[in-house]
Amino acid sequence: MFSWMLMGIAAIITAYLMRTEQLSQEDALGSLRQSCEFVFPNDGFLNQLKMYEDMGFKIDHASPIYKSFRLKLLGESYYREIK
């Protein structure tokens, strides 16, 4: 559980750096790793941070990027239920 919390905290700090400094996901993560080299957000967090970057550092519910993400989550949820 502890490592999951660290991944989440790293993703939040990375998103904060992206928004406040207008950094790309890679640059923000690199900046964070200068302070703590053991930062390894999981692929799910990294994908969401990339989506955040692609949407201009904001959550835009009308964006096709966001709608595609939500549709994918819905499909995954449905698939899990029918198994």
PDB file of N, CA and C in Angstrom:
ATOM      1  N   MET A   1       0.819  -1.195   0.000  1.00  0.00           N
ATOM      2  CA  MET A   1       0.000   0.000   0.000  1.00  0.00           C
ATOM      3  C   MET A   1       0.860   1.254   0.000  1.00  0.00           C
ATOM      4  N   PHE A   2       1.941   1.237   0.709  1.00  0.00           N
ATOM      5  CA  PHE A   2       2.784   2.419   0.817  1.00  0.00           C
ATOM      6  C   PHE A   2       3.340   2.847  -0.536  1.00  0.00           C
ATOM      7  N   SER A   3       3.791   1.883  -1.359  1.00  0.00           N
ATOM      8  CA  SER A   3       4.344   2.232  -2.666  1.00  0.00           C
ATOM      9  C   SER A   3       3.271   2.823  -3.572  1.00  0.00           C
ATOM     10  N   TRP A   4       2.013   2.342  -3.455  1.00  0.00           N
ATOM     11  CA  TRP A   4       0.921   2.905  -4.259  1.00  0.00           C
ATOM     12  C   TRP A   4       0.696   4.365  -3.890  1.00  0.00           C
ATOM     13  N   MET A   5       0.764   4.678  -2.604  1.00  0.00           N
ATOM     14  CA  MET A   5       0.575   6.063  -2.156  1.00  0.00           C
ATOM     15  C   MET A   5       1.686   6.946  -2.696  1.00  0.00           C
ATOM     16  N   LEU A   6       2.924   6.442  -2.709  1.00  0.00           N
ATOM     17  CA  LEU A   6       4.033   7.234  -3.237  1.00  0.00           C
ATOM     18  C   LEU A   6       3.862   7.502  -4.719  1.00  0.00           C
ATOM     19  N   MET A   7       3.366   6.516  -5.468  1.00  0.00           N
ATOM     20  CA  MET A   7       3.132   6.723  -6.900  1.00  0.00           C
ATOM     21  C   MET A   7       2.084   7.812  -7.113  1.00  0.00           C
ATOM     22  N   GLY A   8       1.025   7.772  -6.307  1.00  0.00           N
ATOM     23  CA  GLY A   8      -0.027   8.777  -6.421  1.00  0.00           C
ATOM     24  C   GLY A   8       0.460  10.161  -6.066  1.00  0.00           C
ATOM     25  N   ILE A   9       1.243  10.257  -5.001  1.00  0.00           N
ATOM     26  CA  ILE A   9       1.794  11.545  -4.595  1.00  0.00           C
ATOM     27  C   ILE A   9       2.726  12.073  -5.676  1.00  0.00           C
ATOM     28  N   ALA A  10       3.546  11.196  -6.259  1.00  0.00           N
ATOM     29  CA  ALA A  10       4.449  11.612  -7.338  1.00  0.00           C
ATOM     30  C   ALA A  10       3.660  12.135  -8.531  1.00  0.00           C
ATOM     31  N   ALA A  11       2.538  11.493  -8.854  1.00  0.00           N
ATOM     32  CA  ALA A  11       1.716  11.948  -9.979  1.00  0.00           C
ATOM     33  C   ALA A  11       1.109  13.312  -9.686  1.00  0.00           C
ATOM     34  N   ILE A  12       0.665  13.536  -8.453  1.00  0.00           N
ATOM     35  CA  ILE A  12       0.076  14.836  -8.082  1.00  0.00           C
ATOM     36  C   ILE A  12       1.126  15.935  -8.154  1.00  0.00           C
ATOM     37  N   ILE A  13       2.310  15.673  -7.634  1.00  0.00           N
ATOM     38  CA  ILE A  13       3.376  16.676  -7.674  1.00  0.00           C
ATOM     39  C   ILE A  13       3.788  16.951  -9.118  1.00  0.00           C
ATOM     40  N   THR A  14       3.861  15.897  -9.924  1.00  0.00           N
ATOM     41  CA  THR A  14       4.208  16.078 -11.338  1.00  0.00           C
ATOM     42  C   THR A  14       3.158  16.933 -12.040  1.00  0.00           C
ATOM     43  N   ALA A  15       1.881  16.663 -11.793  1.00  0.00           N
ATOM     44  CA  ALA A  15       0.804  17.465 -12.399  1.00  0.00           C
ATOM     45  C   ALA A  15       0.901  18.922 -11.939  1.00  0.00           C
ATOM     46  N   TYR A  16       1.215  19.129 -10.675  1.00  0.00           N
ATOM     47  CA  TYR A  16       1.373  20.494 -10.150  1.00  0.00           C
ATOM     48  C   TYR A  16       2.507  21.219 -10.878  1.00  0.00           C
ATOM     49  N   LEU A  17       3.639  20.549 -11.038  1.00  0.00           N
ATOM     50  CA  LEU A  17       4.766  21.160 -11.756  1.00  0.00           C
ATOM     51  C   LEU A  17       4.404  21.444 -13.209  1.00  0.00           C
ATOM     52  N   MET A  18       3.684  20.520 -13.825  1.00  0.00           N
ATOM     53  CA  MET A  18       3.279  20.721 -15.215  1.00  0.00           C
ATOM     54  C   MET A  18       2.440  21.984 -15.348  1.00  0.00           C
ATOM     55  N   ARG A  19       1.478  22.144 -14.441  1.00  0.00           N
ATOM     56  CA  ARG A  19       0.562  23.280 -14.541  1.00  0.00           C
ATOM     57  C   ARG A  19       1.225  24.598 -14.158  1.00  0.00           C
ATOM     58  N   THR A  20       1.931  24.617 -13.041  1.00  0.00           N
ATOM     59  CA  THR A  20       2.489  25.889 -12.563  1.00  0.00           C
ATOM     60  C   THR A  20       3.697  26.347 -13.371  1.00  0.00           C
ATOM     61  N   GLU A  21       4.473  25.388 -13.877  1.00  0.00           N
ATOM     62  CA  GLU A  21       5.686  25.740 -14.632  1.00  0.00           C
ATOM     63  C   GLU A  21       5.529  25.555 -16.140  1.00  0.00           C
ATOM     64  N   GLN A  22       4.340  25.090 -16.565  1.00  0.00           N
ATOM     65  CA  GLN A  22       4.071  24.796 -17.975  1.00  0.00           C
ATOM     66  C   GLN A  22       5.128  23.849 -18.554  1.00  0.00           C
ATOM     67  N   LEU A  23       5.405  22.781 -17.800  1.00  0.00           N
ATOM     68  CA  LEU A  23       6.382  21.785 -18.211  1.00  0.00           C
ATOM     69  C   LEU A  23       5.686  20.596 -18.846  1.00  0.00           C
ATOM     70  N   SER A  24       6.383  19.937 -19.744  1.00  0.00           N
ATOM     71  CA  SER A  24       5.865  18.678 -20.283  1.00  0.00           C
ATOM     72  C   SER A  24       5.900  17.627 -19.181  1.00  0.00           C
ATOM     73  N   GLN A  25       5.207  16.532 -19.416  1.00  0.00           N
ATOM     74  CA  GLN A  25       5.216  15.440 -18.442  1.00  0.00           C
ATOM     75  C   GLN A  25       6.646  14.977 -18.179  1.00  0.00           C
ATOM     76  N   GLU A  26       7.413  14.795 -19.233  1.00  0.00           N
ATOM     77  CA  GLU A  26       8.780  14.307 -19.098  1.00  0.00           C
ATOM     78  C   GLU A  26       9.648  15.289 -18.312  1.00  0.00           C
ATOM     79  N   ASP A  27       9.523  16.586 -18.613  1.00  0.00           N
ATOM     80  CA  ASP A  27      10.326  17.595 -17.922  1.00  0.00           C
ATOM     81  C   ASP A  27       9.940  17.717 -16.452  1.00  0.00           C
ATOM     82  N   ALA A  28       8.638  17.675 -16.172  1.00  0.00           N
ATOM     83  CA  ALA A  28       8.180  17.770 -14.783  1.00  0.00           C
ATOM     84  C   ALA A  28       8.641  16.559 -13.979  1.00  0.00           C
ATOM     85  N   LEU A  29       8.543  15.385 -14.572  1.00  0.00           N
ATOM     86  CA  LEU A  29       8.984  14.174 -13.883  1.00  0.00           C
ATOM     87  C   LEU A  29      10.500  14.204 -13.681  1.00  0.00           C
ATOM     88  N   GLY A  30      11.218  14.699 -14.666  1.00  0.00           N
ATOM     89  CA  GLY A  30      12.672  14.838 -14.530  1.00  0.00           C
ATOM     90  C   GLY A  30      13.040  15.806 -13.422  1.00  0.00           C
ATOM     91  N   SER A  31      12.298  16.903 -13.320  1.00  0.00           N
ATOM     92  CA  SER A  31      12.533  17.875 -12.256  1.00  0.00           C
ATOM     93  C   SER A  31      12.284  17.255 -10.887  1.00  0.00           C
ATOM     94  N   LEU A  32      11.206  16.499 -10.764  1.00  0.00           N
ATOM     95  CA  LEU A  32      10.900  15.833  -9.499  1.00  0.00           C
ATOM     96  C   LEU A  32      11.979  14.812  -9.149  1.00  0.00           C
ATOM     97  N   ARG A  33      12.473  14.102 -10.150  1.00  0.00           N
ATOM     98  CA  ARG A  33      13.501  13.083  -9.904  1.00  0.00           C
ATOM     99  C   ARG A  33      14.841  13.697  -9.476  1.00  0.00           C
ATOM    100  N   GLN A  34      15.049  14.974  -9.746  1.00  0.00           N
ATOM    101  CA  GLN A  34      16.251  15.639  -9.241  1.00  0.00           C
ATOM    102  C   GLN A  34      16.210  15.729  -7.719  1.00  0.00           C
ATOM    103  N   SER A  35      15.014  15.846  -7.159  1.00  0.00           N
ATOM    104  CA  SER A  35      14.851  15.905  -5.710  1.00  0.00           C
ATOM    105  C   SER A  35      14.752  14.514  -5.093  1.00  0.00           C
ATOM    106  N   CYS A  36      14.133  13.597  -5.829  1.00  0.00           N
ATOM    107  CA  CYS A  36      13.937  12.232  -5.311  1.00  0.00           C
ATOM    108  C   CYS A  36      14.057  11.273  -6.493  1.00  0.00           C
ATOM    109  N   GLU A  37      15.183  10.599  -6.571  1.00  0.00           N
ATOM    110  CA  GLU A  37      15.444   9.755  -7.737  1.00  0.00           C
ATOM    111  C   GLU A  37      14.578   8.504  -7.798  1.00  0.00           C
ATOM    112  N   PHE A  38      13.907   8.164  -6.717  1.00  0.00           N
ATOM    113  CA  PHE A  38      13.103   6.944  -6.665  1.00  0.00           C
ATOM    114  C   PHE A  38      11.631   7.218  -6.943  1.00  0.00           C
ATOM    115  N   VAL A  39      11.351   8.034  -7.956  1.00  0.00           N
ATOM    116  CA  VAL A  39       9.986   8.380  -8.330  1.00  0.00           C
ATOM    117  C   VAL A  39       9.634   7.608  -9.595  1.00  0.00           C
ATOM    118  N   PHE A  40       8.656   6.699  -9.460  1.00  0.00           N
ATOM    119  CA  PHE A  40       8.253   5.880 -10.598  1.00  0.00           C
ATOM    120  C   PHE A  40       6.739   5.729 -10.641  1.00  0.00           C
ATOM    121  N   PRO A  41       6.026   6.765 -11.146  1.00  0.00           N
ATOM    122  CA  PRO A  41       4.569   6.619 -11.274  1.00  0.00           C
ATOM    123  C   PRO A  41       4.250   5.454 -12.221  1.00  0.00           C
ATOM    124  N   ASN A  42       3.137   4.770 -11.960  1.00  0.00           N
ATOM    125  CA  ASN A  42       2.785   3.641 -12.828  1.00  0.00           C
ATOM    126  C   ASN A  42       2.266   4.143 -14.181  1.00  0.00           C
ATOM    127  N   ASP A  43       2.110   3.210 -15.098  1.00  0.00           N
ATOM    128  CA  ASP A  43       1.707   3.566 -16.468  1.00  0.00           C
ATOM    129  C   ASP A  43       0.360   4.282 -16.516  1.00  0.00           C
ATOM    130  N   GLY A  44      -0.567   3.882 -15.650  1.00  0.00           N
ATOM    131  CA  GLY A  44      -1.870   4.542 -15.623  1.00  0.00           C
ATOM    132  C   GLY A  44      -1.744   6.020 -15.276  1.00  0.00           C
ATOM    133  N   PHE A  45      -0.950   6.327 -14.258  1.00  0.00           N
ATOM    134  CA  PHE A  45      -0.719   7.721 -13.892  1.00  0.00           C
ATOM    135  C   PHE A  45      -0.008   8.465 -15.018  1.00  0.00           C
ATOM    136  N   LEU A  46       0.983   7.834 -15.627  1.00  0.00           N
ATOM    137  CA  LEU A  46       1.725   8.495 -16.703  1.00  0.00           C
ATOM    138  C   LEU A  46       0.812   8.797 -17.892  1.00  0.00           C
ATOM    139  N   ASN A  47      -0.073   7.867 -18.213  1.00  0.00           N
ATOM    140  CA  ASN A  47      -1.015   8.103 -19.317  1.00  0.00           C
ATOM    141  C   ASN A  47      -1.946   9.269 -19.004  1.00  0.00           C
ATOM    142  N   GLN A  48      -2.410   9.345 -17.757  1.00  0.00           N
ATOM    143  CA  GLN A  48      -3.286  10.450 -17.376  1.00  0.00           C
ATOM    144  C   GLN A  48      -2.543  11.776 -17.371  1.00  0.00           C
ATOM    145  N   LEU A  49      -1.277  11.775 -16.958  1.00  0.00           N
ATOM    146  CA  LEU A  49      -0.490  13.008 -16.999  1.00  0.00           C
ATOM    147  C   LEU A  49      -0.256  13.464 -18.434  1.00  0.00           C
ATOM    148  N   LYS A  50      -0.039  12.522 -19.339  1.00  0.00           N
ATOM    149  CA  LYS A  50       0.137  12.869 -20.753  1.00  0.00           C
ATOM    150  C   LYS A  50      -1.157  13.454 -21.307  1.00  0.00           C
ATOM    151  N   MET A  51      -2.291  12.873 -20.926  1.00  0.00           N
ATOM    152  CA  MET A  51      -3.582  13.398 -21.358  1.00  0.00           C
ATOM    153  C   MET A  51      -3.768  14.826 -20.822  1.00  0.00           C
ATOM    154  N   TYR A  52      -3.396  15.051 -19.574  1.00  0.00           N
ATOM    155  CA  TYR A  52      -3.463  16.378 -18.948  1.00  0.00           C
ATOM    156  C   TYR A  52      -2.620  17.381 -19.732  1.00  0.00           C
ATOM    157  N   GLU A  53      -1.434  16.975 -20.133  1.00  0.00           N
ATOM    158  CA  GLU A  53      -0.565  17.832 -20.952  1.00  0.00           C
ATOM    159  C   GLU A  53      -1.224  18.122 -22.302  1.00  0.00           C
ATOM    160  N   ASP A  54      -1.745  17.086 -22.947  1.00  0.00           N
ATOM    161  CA  ASP A  54      -2.369  17.237 -24.262  1.00  0.00           C
ATOM    162  C   ASP A  54      -3.597  18.144 -24.228  1.00  0.00           C
ATOM    163  N   MET A  55      -4.255  18.234 -23.062  1.00  0.00           N
ATOM    164  CA  MET A  55      -5.431  19.097 -22.919  1.00  0.00           C
ATOM    165  C   MET A  55      -5.063  20.497 -22.434  1.00  0.00           C
ATOM    166  N   GLY A  56      -3.770  20.827 -22.450  1.00  0.00           N
ATOM    167  CA  GLY A  56      -3.354  22.184 -22.093  1.00  0.00           C
ATOM    168  C   GLY A  56      -3.316  22.420 -20.593  1.00  0.00           C
ATOM    169  N   PHE A  57      -2.983  21.393 -19.822  1.00  0.00           N
ATOM    170  CA  PHE A  57      -2.835  21.488 -18.359  1.00  0.00           C
ATOM    171  C   PHE A  57      -4.133  21.862 -17.649  1.00  0.00           C
ATOM    172  N   LYS A  58      -5.227  21.357 -18.165  1.00  0.00           N
ATOM    173  CA  LYS A  58      -6.521  21.529 -17.505  1.00  0.00           C
ATOM    174  C   LYS A  58      -7.374  20.308 -17.833  1.00  0.00           C
ATOM    175  N   ILE A  59      -8.384  20.081 -17.017  1.00  0.00           N
ATOM    176  CA  ILE A  59      -9.310  18.985 -17.270  1.00  0.00           C
ATOM    177  C   ILE A  59     -10.493  19.568 -18.023  1.00  0.00           C
ATOM    178  N   ASP A  60     -10.597  19.191 -19.283  1.00  0.00           N
ATOM    179  CA  ASP A  60     -11.637  19.714 -20.163  1.00  0.00           C
ATOM    180  C   ASP A  60     -12.597  18.576 -20.495  1.00  0.00           C
ATOM    181  N   HIS A  61     -13.744  18.561 -19.820  1.00  0.00           N
ATOM    182  CA  HIS A  61     -14.716  17.473 -20.008  1.00  0.00           C
ATOM    183  C   HIS A  61     -15.298  17.435 -21.423  1.00  0.00           C
ATOM    184  N   ALA A  62     -15.170  18.532 -22.164  1.00  0.00           N
ATOM    185  CA  ALA A  62     -15.684  18.571 -23.534  1.00  0.00           C
ATOM    186  C   ALA A  62     -14.638  18.127 -24.554  1.00  0.00           C
ATOM    187  N   SER A  63     -13.412  17.942 -24.115  1.00  0.00           N
ATOM    188  CA  SER A  63     -12.324  17.572 -25.017  1.00  0.00           C
ATOM    189  C   SER A  63     -12.523  16.156 -25.557  1.00  0.00           C
ATOM    190  N   PRO A  64     -12.267  15.952 -26.850  1.00  0.00           N
ATOM    191  CA  PRO A  64     -12.323  14.592 -27.406  1.00  0.00           C
ATOM    192  C   PRO A  64     -11.323  13.655 -26.709  1.00  0.00           C
ATOM    193  N   ILE A  65     -10.221  14.185 -26.250  1.00  0.00           N
ATOM    194  CA  ILE A  65      -9.222  13.384 -25.533  1.00  0.00           C
ATOM    195  C   ILE A  65      -9.837  12.841 -24.243  1.00  0.00           C
ATOM    196  N   TYR A  66     -10.495  13.722 -23.494  1.00  0.00           N
ATOM    197  CA  TYR A  66     -11.120  13.320 -22.231  1.00  0.00           C
ATOM    198  C   TYR A  66     -12.272  12.353 -22.480  1.00  0.00           C
ATOM    199  N   LYS A  67     -13.088  12.637 -23.485  1.00  0.00           N
ATOM    200  CA  LYS A  67     -14.224  11.762 -23.786  1.00  0.00           C
ATOM    201  C   LYS A  67     -13.755  10.362 -24.177  1.00  0.00           C
ATOM    202  N   SER A  68     -12.682  10.286 -24.936  1.00  0.00           N
ATOM    203  CA  SER A  68     -12.125   8.991 -25.325  1.00  0.00           C
ATOM    204  C   SER A  68     -11.628   8.231 -24.095  1.00  0.00           C
ATOM    205  N   PHE A  69     -10.987   8.935 -23.175  1.00  0.00           N
ATOM    206  CA  PHE A  69     -10.502   8.329 -21.938  1.00  0.00           C
ATOM    207  C   PHE A  69     -11.657   7.770 -21.122  1.00  0.00           C
ATOM    208  N   ARG A  70     -12.723   8.547 -20.961  1.00  0.00           N
ATOM    209  CA  ARG A  70     -13.879   8.099 -20.175  1.00  0.00           C
ATOM    210  C   ARG A  70     -14.576   6.911 -20.838  1.00  0.00           C
ATOM    211  N   LEU A  71     -14.662   6.930 -22.155  1.00  0.00           N
ATOM    212  CA  LEU A  71     -15.274   5.822 -22.881  1.00  0.00           C
ATOM    213  C   LEU A  71     -14.462   4.539 -22.701  1.00  0.00           C
ATOM    214  N   LYS A  72     -13.139   4.670 -22.725  1.00  0.00           N
ATOM    215  CA  LYS A  72     -12.274   3.513 -22.493  1.00  0.00           C
ATOM    216  C   LYS A  72     -12.505   2.947 -21.087  1.00  0.00           C
ATOM    217  N   LEU A  73     -12.591   3.817 -20.083  1.00  0.00           N
ATOM    218  CA  LEU A  73     -12.850   3.359 -18.718  1.00  0.00           C
ATOM    219  C   LEU A  73     -14.197   2.653 -18.612  1.00  0.00           C
ATOM    220  N   LEU A  74     -15.198   3.196 -19.270  1.00  0.00           N
ATOM    221  CA  LEU A  74     -16.527   2.588 -19.257  1.00  0.00           C
ATOM    222  C   LEU A  74     -16.492   1.196 -19.884  1.00  0.00           C
ATOM    223  N   GLY A  75     -15.789   1.078 -21.011  1.00  0.00           N
ATOM    224  CA  GLY A  75     -15.665  -0.217 -21.674  1.00  0.00           C
ATOM    225  C   GLY A  75     -14.944  -1.230 -20.797  1.00  0.00           C
ATOM    226  N   GLU A  76     -13.880  -0.801 -20.127  1.00  0.00           N
ATOM    227  CA  GLU A  76     -13.143  -1.702 -19.235  1.00  0.00           C
ATOM    228  C   GLU A  76     -14.019  -2.136 -18.062  1.00  0.00           C
ATOM    229  N   SER A  77     -14.801  -1.214 -17.527  1.00  0.00           N
ATOM    230  CA  SER A  77     -15.698  -1.529 -16.417  1.00  0.00           C
ATOM    231  C   SER A  77     -16.757  -2.543 -16.851  1.00  0.00           C
ATOM    232  N   TYR A  78     -17.324  -2.327 -18.029  1.00  0.00           N
ATOM    233  CA  TYR A  78     -18.336  -3.248 -18.556  1.00  0.00           C
ATOM    234  C   TYR A  78     -17.732  -4.631 -18.775  1.00  0.00           C
ATOM    235  N   TYR A  79     -16.545  -4.682 -19.329  1.00  0.00           N
ATOM    236  CA  TYR A  79     -15.896  -5.955 -19.603  1.00  0.00           C
ATOM    237  C   TYR A  79     -15.641  -6.719 -18.312  1.00  0.00           C
ATOM    238  N   ARG A  80     -15.224  -6.025 -17.256  1.00  0.00           N
ATOM    239  CA  ARG A  80     -14.988  -6.683 -15.959  1.00  0.00           C
ATOM    240  C   ARG A  80     -16.267  -7.250 -15.378  1.00  0.00           C
ATOM    241  N   GLU A  81     -17.373  -6.573 -15.595  1.00  0.00           N
ATOM    242  CA  GLU A  81     -18.660  -7.014 -15.041  1.00  0.00           C
ATOM    243  C   GLU A  81     -19.182  -8.271 -15.730  1.00  0.00           C
ATOM    244  N   ILE A  82     -18.918  -8.432 -17.006  1.00  0.00           N
ATOM    245  CA  ILE A  82     -19.464  -9.598 -17.717  1.00  0.00           C
ATOM    246  C   ILE A  82     -18.577 -10.827 -17.596  1.00  0.00           C
ATOM    247  N   LYS A  83     -17.397 -10.683 -17.041  1.00  0.00           N
ATOM    248  CA  LYS A  83     -16.503 -11.840 -16.855  1.00  0.00           C
ATOM    249  C   LYS A  83     -16.971 -12.726 -15.751  1.00  0.00           C
TER     250      LYS A  83
END
